[in-house]
C-alpha atoms as a PDB file:
ATOM      1  CA  UNK A   1     108.577  52.333  -9.376  1.00  0.00           C
ATOM      2  CA  UNK A   2     111.982  53.755  -8.816  1.00  0.00           C
ATOM      3  CA  UNK A   3     111.715  53.173  -5.208  1.00  0.00           C
ATOM      4  CA  UNK A   4     110.296  49.658  -5.577  1.00  0.00           C
ATOM      5  CA  UNK A   5     113.688  48.828  -7.698  1.00  0.00           C
ATOM      6  CA  UNK A   6     115.932  50.384  -5.099  1.00  0.00           C
ATOM      7  CA  UNK A   7     114.642  48.566  -2.428  1.00  0.00           C
ATOM      8  CA  UNK A   8     115.013  45.027  -4.685  1.00  0.00           C
ATOM      9  CA  UNK A   9     118.365  45.874  -5.248  1.00  0.00           C
ATOM     10  CA  UNK A  10     119.448  46.696  -1.795  1.00  0.00           C
ATOM     11  CA  UNK A  11     118.158  43.689  -0.483  1.00  0.00           C
ATOM     12  CA  UNK A  12     119.268  41.628  -3.250  1.00  0.00           C
ATOM     13  CA  UNK A  13     122.773  43.095  -2.357  1.00  0.00           C
ATOM     14  CA  UNK A  14     122.140  42.399   1.388  1.00  0.00           C
ATOM     15  CA  UNK A  15     121.395  38.868   0.832  1.00  0.00           C
ATOM     16  CA  UNK A  16     124.102  38.245  -1.651  1.00  0.00           C
ATOM     17  CA  UNK A  17     126.628  39.402   1.000  1.00  0.00           C
ATOM     18  CA  UNK A  18     125.042  37.972   3.895  1.00  0.00           C
ATOM     19  CA  UNK A  19     125.172  34.563   1.838  1.00  0.00           C
ATOM     20  CA  UNK A  20     128.835  35.282   0.568  1.00  0.00           C
ATOM     21  CA  UNK A  21     129.798  35.445   4.565  1.00  0.00           C
ATOM     22  CA  UNK A  22     127.938  32.726   5.332  1.00  0.00           C
ATOM     23  CA  UNK A  23     129.836  30.366   2.578  1.00  0.00           C
ATOM     24  CA  UNK A  24     133.049  31.683   3.383  1.00  0.00           C
ATOM     25  CA  UNK A  25     132.730  30.766   7.448  1.00  0.00           C
ATOM     26  CA  UNK A  26     131.543  27.472   7.044  1.00  0.00           C
ATOM     27  CA  UNK A  27     133.797  26.645   3.967  1.00  0.00           C
ATOM     28  CA  UNK A  28     136.942  27.852   6.112  1.00  0.00           C
ATOM     29  CA  UNK A  29     135.413  25.721   9.069  1.00  0.00           C
ATOM     30  CA  UNK A  30     135.403  22.514   6.553  1.00  0.00           C
ATOM     31  CA  UNK A  31     138.971  23.872   5.493  1.00  0.00           C
ATOM     32  CA  UNK A  32     140.097  23.437   9.047  1.00  0.00           C
ATOM     33  CA  UNK A  33     138.329  20.122   9.977  1.00  0.00           C
ATOM     34  CA  UNK A  34     139.710  18.341   6.826  1.00  0.00           C
ATOM     35  CA  UNK A  35     143.387  19.791   8.039  1.00  0.00           C
ATOM     36  CA  UNK A  36     142.808  18.237  11.086  1.00  0.00           C
ATOM     37  CA  UNK A  37     142.109  14.979   9.696  1.00  0.00           C
ATOM     38  CA  UNK A  38     145.013  14.796   7.694  1.00  0.00           C
ATOM     39  CA  UNK A  39     146.969  15.949  10.618  1.00  0.00           C
ATOM     40  CA  UNK A  40     145.846  13.216  12.276  1.00  0.00           C
ATOM     41  CA  UNK A  41     145.972  10.670   9.881  1.00  0.00           C
ATOM     42  CA  UNK A  42     149.460  11.532   9.963  1.00  0.00           C
ATOM     43  CA  UNK A  43     150.360  11.163  13.177  1.00  0.00           C
ATOM     44  CA  UNK A  44     148.779   7.364  12.874  1.00  0.00           C
ATOM     45  CA  UNK A  45     150.542   6.255  10.644  1.00  0.00           C
ATOM     46  CA  UNK A  46     154.273   7.715  11.724  1.00  0.00           C
ATOM     47  CA  UNK A  47     153.417   5.916  15.210  1.00  0.00           C
ATOM     48  CA  UNK A  48     152.472   3.023  13.071  1.00  0.00           C
ATOM     49  CA  UNK A  49     155.474   2.931  10.995  1.00  0.00           C
ATOM     50  CA  UNK A  50     158.796   1.595  12.468  1.00  0.00           C
ATOM     51  CA  UNK A  51     162.188   2.385  12.174  1.00  0.00           C
ATOM     52  CA  UNK A  52     164.515   1.273   9.583  1.00  0.00           C
ATOM     53  CA  UNK A  53     167.356   0.276  12.323  1.00  0.00           C
ATOM     54  CA  UNK A  54     164.565  -2.338  13.951  1.00  0.00           C
ATOM     55  CA  UNK A  55     165.272  -4.762  10.786  1.00  0.00           C
ATOM     56  CA  UNK A  56     167.263  -7.686  11.081  1.00  0.00           C
ATOM     57  CA  UNK A  57     167.412 -11.275   9.311  1.00  0.00           C
ATOM     58  CA  UNK A  58     167.536 -14.384  11.513  1.00  0.00           C
ATOM     59  CA  UNK A  59     168.376 -16.673   8.629  1.00  0.00           C
ATOM     60  CA  UNK A  60     170.516 -16.662   5.253  1.00  0.00           C
ATOM     61  CA  UNK A  61     169.997 -20.131   3.639  1.00  0.00           C
ATOM     62  CA  UNK A  62     173.613 -21.752   2.731  1.00  0.00           C
ATOM     63  CA  UNK A  63     173.036 -21.248  -0.934  1.00  0.00           C
ATOM     64  CA  UNK A  64     172.428 -18.087  -0.923  1.00  0.00           C
ATOM     65  CA  UNK A  65     175.216 -17.296   1.448  1.00  0.00           C
ATOM     66  CA  UNK A  66     177.721 -18.735  -1.601  1.00  0.00           C
ATOM     67  CA  UNK A  67     176.261 -16.268  -4.182  1.00  0.00           C
ATOM     68  CA  UNK A  68     176.172 -13.478  -1.585  1.00  0.00           C
ATOM     69  CA  UNK A  69     180.409 -13.700  -0.801  1.00  0.00           C
ATOM     70  CA  UNK A  70     181.034 -12.831  -4.272  1.00  0.00           C
ATOM     71  CA  UNK A  71     183.097  -9.773  -4.852  1.00  0.00           C
ATOM     72  CA  UNK A  72     181.351  -7.387  -6.915  1.00  0.00           C
ATOM     73  CA  UNK A  73     182.408  -3.624  -7.419  1.00  0.00           C
ATOM     74  CA  UNK A  74     180.197  -0.890  -8.000  1.00  0.00           C
ATOM     75  CA  UNK A  75     177.795  -1.327  -5.145  1.00  0.00           C
ATOM     76  CA  UNK A  76     175.495  -4.129  -3.671  1.00  0.00           C
ATOM     77  CA  UNK A  77     174.424  -6.560  -6.098  1.00  0.00           C
ATOM     78  CA  UNK A  78     170.946  -8.078  -6.192  1.00  0.00           C
ATOM     79  CA  UNK A  79     170.372 -11.623  -7.271  1.00  0.00           C
ATOM     80  CA  UNK A  80     167.750 -11.174 -10.523  1.00  0.00           C
ATOM     81  CA  UNK A  81     165.398 -14.514 -10.372  1.00  0.00           C
ATOM     82  CA  UNK A  82     162.700 -15.106 -13.351  1.00  0.00           C
ATOM     83  CA  UNK A  83     159.116 -15.487 -12.238  1.00  0.00           C
ATOM     84  CA  UNK A  84     157.286 -17.865 -14.231  1.00  0.00           C
ATOM     85  CA  UNK A  85     154.156 -17.744 -14.541  1.00  0.00           C
END
């Protein structure tokens, strides 16, 4: 009876260790895969984004030019326009 219990406990412990080892290795591979996918997404986003230096305004309507020429101290002033729904 004691011999049977020792064998059952030993086999149970051994299976637990093996399962733990395989789960850790699978989780490590999965984590590495997720990190690689994230790196690829970041590279794709960085290559698609364009620098702010490339922004240019081709046309400013004359009605807006008069408003923009006002001398306003304390930073850049942005006109507020109310949106009606």
